[in-house]
PDB file of N, CA and C in Angstrom:
ATOM      1  N   MET A   1      30.006  49.357  74.285  1.00  0.00           N
ATOM      2  CA  MET A   1      28.719  49.849  74.700  1.00  0.00           C
ATOM      3  C   MET A   1      28.805  51.373  74.831  1.00  0.00           C
ATOM      4  N   LYS A   2      27.853  52.072  74.242  1.00  0.00           N
ATOM      5  CA  LYS A   2      27.793  53.535  74.315  1.00  0.00           C
ATOM      6  C   LYS A   2      26.833  53.922  75.439  1.00  0.00           C
ATOM      7  N   ILE A   3      27.371  54.611  76.445  1.00  0.00           N
ATOM      8  CA  ILE A   3      26.588  54.999  77.610  1.00  0.00           C
ATOM      9  C   ILE A   3      26.526  56.516  77.683  1.00  0.00           C
ATOM     10  N   LEU A   4      25.325  57.059  77.641  1.00  0.00           N
ATOM     11  CA  LEU A   4      25.137  58.498  77.791  1.00  0.00           C
ATOM     12  C   LEU A   4      24.806  58.795  79.240  1.00  0.00           C
ATOM     13  N   VAL A   5      25.481  59.801  79.807  1.00  0.00           N
ATOM     14  CA  VAL A   5      25.202  60.206  81.181  1.00  0.00           C
ATOM     15  C   VAL A   5      24.977  61.710  81.227  1.00  0.00           C
ATOM     16  N   ASP A   6      24.098  62.127  82.098  1.00  0.00           N
ATOM     17  CA  ASP A   6      23.852  63.550  82.315  1.00  0.00           C
ATOM     18  C   ASP A   6      25.143  64.176  82.843  1.00  0.00           C
ATOM     19  N   GLU A   7      25.558  65.270  82.236  1.00  0.00           N
ATOM     20  CA  GLU A   7      26.806  65.929  82.635  1.00  0.00           C
ATOM     21  C   GLU A   7      26.764  66.444  84.070  1.00  0.00           C
ATOM     22  N   ASN A   8      25.594  66.510  84.668  1.00  0.00           N
ATOM     23  CA  ASN A   8      25.453  66.983  86.043  1.00  0.00           C
ATOM     24  C   ASN A   8      25.425  65.857  87.066  1.00  0.00           C
ATOM     25  N   MET A   9      25.750  64.657  86.645  1.00  0.00           N
ATOM     26  CA  MET A   9      25.807  63.514  87.562  1.00  0.00           C
ATOM     27  C   MET A   9      27.264  63.304  87.977  1.00  0.00           C
ATOM     28  N   PRO A  10      27.586  63.694  89.201  1.00  0.00           N
ATOM     29  CA  PRO A  10      28.977  63.551  89.635  1.00  0.00           C
ATOM     30  C   PRO A  10      29.391  62.076  89.682  1.00  0.00           C
ATOM     31  N   TYR A  11      30.602  61.822  89.268  1.00  0.00           N
ATOM     32  CA  TYR A  11      31.235  60.503  89.311  1.00  0.00           C
ATOM     33  C   TYR A  11      30.637  59.479  88.343  1.00  0.00           C
ATOM     34  N   ALA A  12      29.707  59.884  87.494  1.00  0.00           N
ATOM     35  CA  ALA A  12      29.092  58.938  86.558  1.00  0.00           C
ATOM     36  C   ALA A  12      30.138  58.352  85.615  1.00  0.00           C
ATOM     37  N   ASP A  13      31.056  59.172  85.148  1.00  0.00           N
ATOM     38  CA  ASP A  13      32.091  58.683  84.235  1.00  0.00           C
ATOM     39  C   ASP A  13      32.913  57.593  84.908  1.00  0.00           C
ATOM     40  N   ALA A  14      33.348  57.849  86.118  1.00  0.00           N
ATOM     41  CA  ALA A  14      34.166  56.872  86.838  1.00  0.00           C
ATOM     42  C   ALA A  14      33.379  55.594  87.126  1.00  0.00           C
ATOM     43  N   LEU A  15      32.112  55.736  87.403  1.00  0.00           N
ATOM     44  CA  LEU A  15      31.280  54.587  87.737  1.00  0.00           C
ATOM     45  C   LEU A  15      31.016  53.680  86.536  1.00  0.00           C
ATOM     46  N   PHE A  16      30.753  54.277  85.376  1.00  0.00           N
ATOM     47  CA  PHE A  16      30.336  53.496  84.219  1.00  0.00           C
ATOM     48  C   PHE A  16      31.430  53.229  83.192  1.00  0.00           C
ATOM     49  N   GLN A  17      32.617  53.844  83.317  1.00  0.00           N
ATOM     50  CA  GLN A  17      33.643  53.707  82.287  1.00  0.00           C
ATOM     51  C   GLN A  17      34.125  52.275  82.107  1.00  0.00           C
ATOM     52  N   ARG A  18      34.029  51.455  83.110  1.00  0.00           N
ATOM     53  CA  ARG A  18      34.468  50.062  82.962  1.00  0.00           C
ATOM     54  C   ARG A  18      33.489  49.242  82.126  1.00  0.00           C
ATOM     55  N   LEU A  19      32.302  49.808  81.890  1.00  0.00           N
ATOM     56  CA  LEU A  19      31.280  49.100  81.114  1.00  0.00           C
ATOM     57  C   LEU A  19      31.283  49.466  79.639  1.00  0.00           C
ATOM     58  N   GLY A  20      31.900  50.619  79.306  1.00  0.00           N
ATOM     59  CA  GLY A  20      31.912  51.025  77.908  1.00  0.00           C
ATOM     60  C   GLY A  20      32.316  52.470  77.725  1.00  0.00           C
ATOM     61  N   ASP A  21      31.978  53.005  76.558  1.00  0.00           N
ATOM     62  CA  ASP A  21      32.306  54.378  76.184  1.00  0.00           C
ATOM     63  C   ASP A  21      31.287  55.329  76.805  1.00  0.00           C
ATOM     64  N   VAL A  22      31.717  56.121  77.787  1.00  0.00           N
ATOM     65  CA  VAL A  22      30.827  57.042  78.490  1.00  0.00           C
ATOM     66  C   VAL A  22      30.910  58.418  77.843  1.00  0.00           C
ATOM     67  N   GLN A  23      29.754  58.970  77.499  1.00  0.00           N
ATOM     68  CA  GLN A  23      29.684  60.307  76.923  1.00  0.00           C
ATOM     69  C   GLN A  23      28.775  61.166  77.788  1.00  0.00           C
ATOM     70  N   ALA A  24      29.313  62.269  78.306  1.00  0.00           N
ATOM     71  CA  ALA A  24      28.520  63.203  79.100  1.00  0.00           C
ATOM     72  C   ALA A  24      27.780  64.144  78.155  1.00  0.00           C
ATOM     73  N   VAL A  25      26.484  64.306  78.398  1.00  0.00           N
ATOM     74  CA  VAL A  25      25.645  65.168  77.564  1.00  0.00           C
ATOM     75  C   VAL A  25      24.800  66.055  78.469  1.00  0.00           C
ATOM     76  N   PRO A  26      24.341  67.195  77.944  1.00  0.00           N
ATOM     77  CA  PRO A  26      23.420  68.018  78.727  1.00  0.00           C
ATOM     78  C   PRO A  26      22.158  67.211  79.038  1.00  0.00           C
ATOM     79  N   GLY A  27      21.693  67.290  80.268  1.00  0.00           N
ATOM     80  CA  GLY A  27      20.511  66.529  80.659  1.00  0.00           C
ATOM     81  C   GLY A  27      19.209  67.180  80.262  1.00  0.00           C
ATOM     82  N   ARG A  28      19.245  68.488  80.070  1.00  0.00           N
ATOM     83  CA  ARG A  28      18.017  69.212  79.683  1.00  0.00           C
ATOM     84  C   ARG A  28      18.379  70.239  78.658  1.00  0.00           C
ATOM     85  N   PRO A  29      18.024  70.070  77.439  1.00  0.00           N
ATOM     86  CA  PRO A  29      17.509  68.844  76.819  1.00  0.00           C
ATOM     87  C   PRO A  29      18.651  67.962  76.345  1.00  0.00           C
ATOM     88  N   ILE A  30      18.377  66.710  76.214  1.00  0.00           N
ATOM     89  CA  ILE A  30      19.369  65.766  75.695  1.00  0.00           C
ATOM     90  C   ILE A  30      19.445  65.941  74.179  1.00  0.00           C
ATOM     91  N   PRO A  31      20.640  66.128  73.634  1.00  0.00           N
ATOM     92  CA  PRO A  31      20.768  66.259  72.176  1.00  0.00           C
ATOM     93  C   PRO A  31      20.326  64.970  71.477  1.00  0.00           C
ATOM     94  N   LEU A  32      19.375  65.086  70.584  1.00  0.00           N
ATOM     95  CA  LEU A  32      18.827  63.907  69.915  1.00  0.00           C
ATOM     96  C   LEU A  32      19.879  63.151  69.117  1.00  0.00           C
ATOM     97  N   ASP A  33      20.842  63.870  68.530  1.00  0.00           N
ATOM     98  CA  ASP A  33      21.878  63.181  67.759  1.00  0.00           C
ATOM     99  C   ASP A  33      22.765  62.324  68.654  1.00  0.00           C
ATOM    100  N   ALA A  34      22.891  62.681  69.929  1.00  0.00           N
ATOM    101  CA  ALA A  34      23.702  61.897  70.860  1.00  0.00           C
ATOM    102  C   ALA A  34      23.045  60.555  71.177  1.00  0.00           C
ATOM    103  N   LEU A  35      21.727  60.502  71.092  1.00  0.00           N
ATOM    104  CA  LEU A  35      21.000  59.269  71.410  1.00  0.00           C
ATOM    105  C   LEU A  35      21.186  58.177  70.361  1.00  0.00           C
ATOM    106  N   ALA A  36      21.557  58.564  69.159  1.00  0.00           N
ATOM    107  CA  ALA A  36      21.729  57.579  68.081  1.00  0.00           C
ATOM    108  C   ALA A  36      22.808  56.572  68.464  1.00  0.00           C
ATOM    109  N   GLY A  37      22.447  55.329  68.494  1.00  0.00           N
ATOM    110  CA  GLY A  37      23.401  54.273  68.795  1.00  0.00           C
ATOM    111  C   GLY A  37      23.706  54.081  70.264  1.00  0.00           C
ATOM    112  N   ALA A  38      23.032  54.804  71.135  1.00  0.00           N
ATOM    113  CA  ALA A  38      23.280  54.657  72.571  1.00  0.00           C
ATOM    114  C   ALA A  38      22.700  53.338  73.070  1.00  0.00           C
ATOM    115  N   ASP A  39      23.440  52.685  73.946  1.00  0.00           N
ATOM    116  CA  ASP A  39      22.981  51.434  74.549  1.00  0.00           C
ATOM    117  C   ASP A  39      22.369  51.659  75.924  1.00  0.00           C
ATOM    118  N   ALA A  40      22.785  52.738  76.586  1.00  0.00           N
ATOM    119  CA  ALA A  40      22.273  53.036  77.923  1.00  0.00           C
ATOM    120  C   ALA A  40      22.180  54.545  78.099  1.00  0.00           C
ATOM    121  N   LEU A  41      21.212  54.959  78.902  1.00  0.00           N
ATOM    122  CA  LEU A  41      20.989  56.378  79.173  1.00  0.00           C
ATOM    123  C   LEU A  41      20.821  56.560  80.669  1.00  0.00           C
ATOM    124  N   MET A  42      21.721  57.316  81.278  1.00  0.00           N
ATOM    125  CA  MET A  42      21.664  57.589  82.710  1.00  0.00           C
ATOM    126  C   MET A  42      21.373  59.072  82.904  1.00  0.00           C
ATOM    127  N   VAL A  43      20.201  59.369  83.454  1.00  0.00           N
ATOM    128  CA  VAL A  43      19.787  60.756  83.636  1.00  0.00           C
ATOM    129  C   VAL A  43      19.249  60.959  85.046  1.00  0.00           C
ATOM    130  N   ARG A  44      19.077  62.226  85.393  1.00  0.00           N
ATOM    131  CA  ARG A  44      18.485  62.566  86.683  1.00  0.00           C
ATOM    132  C   ARG A  44      16.965  62.581  86.555  1.00  0.00           C
ATOM    133  N   SER A  45      16.288  62.637  87.665  1.00  0.00           N
ATOM    134  CA  SER A  45      14.821  62.572  87.652  1.00  0.00           C
ATOM    135  C   SER A  45      14.178  63.791  86.999  1.00  0.00           C
ATOM    136  N   VAL A  46      14.909  64.870  86.811  1.00  0.00           N
ATOM    137  CA  VAL A  46      14.343  66.061  86.165  1.00  0.00           C
ATOM    138  C   VAL A  46      14.242  65.900  84.653  1.00  0.00           C
ATOM    139  N   THR A  47      14.924  64.908  84.095  1.00  0.00           N
ATOM    140  CA  THR A  47      14.902  64.679  82.654  1.00  0.00           C
ATOM    141  C   THR A  47      13.708  63.808  82.292  1.00  0.00           C
ATOM    142  N   LYS A  48      12.912  64.286  81.374  1.00  0.00           N
ATOM    143  CA  LYS A  48      11.743  63.531  80.920  1.00  0.00           C
ATOM    144  C   LYS A  48      12.161  62.557  79.824  1.00  0.00           C
ATOM    145  N   VAL A  49      12.070  61.283  80.115  1.00  0.00           N
ATOM    146  CA  VAL A  49      12.366  60.245  79.129  1.00  0.00           C
ATOM    147  C   VAL A  49      11.033  59.630  78.729  1.00  0.00           C
ATOM    148  N   ASN A  50      10.699  59.786  77.469  1.00  0.00           N
ATOM    149  CA  ASN A  50       9.418  59.281  76.984  1.00  0.00           C
ATOM    150  C   ASN A  50       9.574  58.777  75.549  1.00  0.00           C
ATOM    151  N   GLU A  51       8.474  58.349  74.985  1.00  0.00           N
ATOM    152  CA  GLU A  51       8.488  57.800  73.628  1.00  0.00           C
ATOM    153  C   GLU A  51       9.001  58.807  72.611  1.00  0.00           C
ATOM    154  N   ALA A  52       8.614  60.062  72.773  1.00  0.00           N
ATOM    155  CA  ALA A  52       9.044  61.101  71.830  1.00  0.00           C
ATOM    156  C   ALA A  52      10.565  61.278  71.852  1.00  0.00           C
ATOM    157  N   LEU A  53      11.160  61.221  73.029  1.00  0.00           N
ATOM    158  CA  LEU A  53      12.612  61.383  73.145  1.00  0.00           C
ATOM    159  C   LEU A  53      13.344  60.206  72.495  1.00  0.00           C
ATOM    160  N   LEU A  54      12.836  59.014  72.692  1.00  0.00           N
ATOM    161  CA  LEU A  54      13.535  57.815  72.233  1.00  0.00           C
ATOM    162  C   LEU A  54      13.180  57.385  70.819  1.00  0.00           C
ATOM    163  N   GLN A  55      12.205  58.015  70.214  1.00  0.00           N
ATOM    164  CA  GLN A  55      11.770  57.631  68.875  1.00  0.00           C
ATOM    165  C   GLN A  55      12.923  57.737  67.874  1.00  0.00           C
ATOM    166  N   GLY A  56      13.154  56.659  67.158  1.00  0.00           N
ATOM    167  CA  GLY A  56      14.182  56.646  66.123  1.00  0.00           C
ATOM    168  C   GLY A  56      15.593  56.408  66.622  1.00  0.00           C
ATOM    169  N   THR A  57      15.750  56.032  67.877  1.00  0.00           N
ATOM    170  CA  THR A  57      17.099  55.816  68.407  1.00  0.00           C
ATOM    171  C   THR A  57      17.459  54.355  68.420  1.00  0.00           C
TER     172      THR A  57
END
């Protein structure tokens, strides 16, 4: 499982690593190429997640 986490979320890697491959990415803006093939996205409330962001992922 590919899990993307905001690089500004402390301990996210340790929390989610048992579930799959954790990749830290910038939360603002999230690189669109990183979203390809992602199974989960963990972001902070400042990150806007909408249809435009997820289109084609």
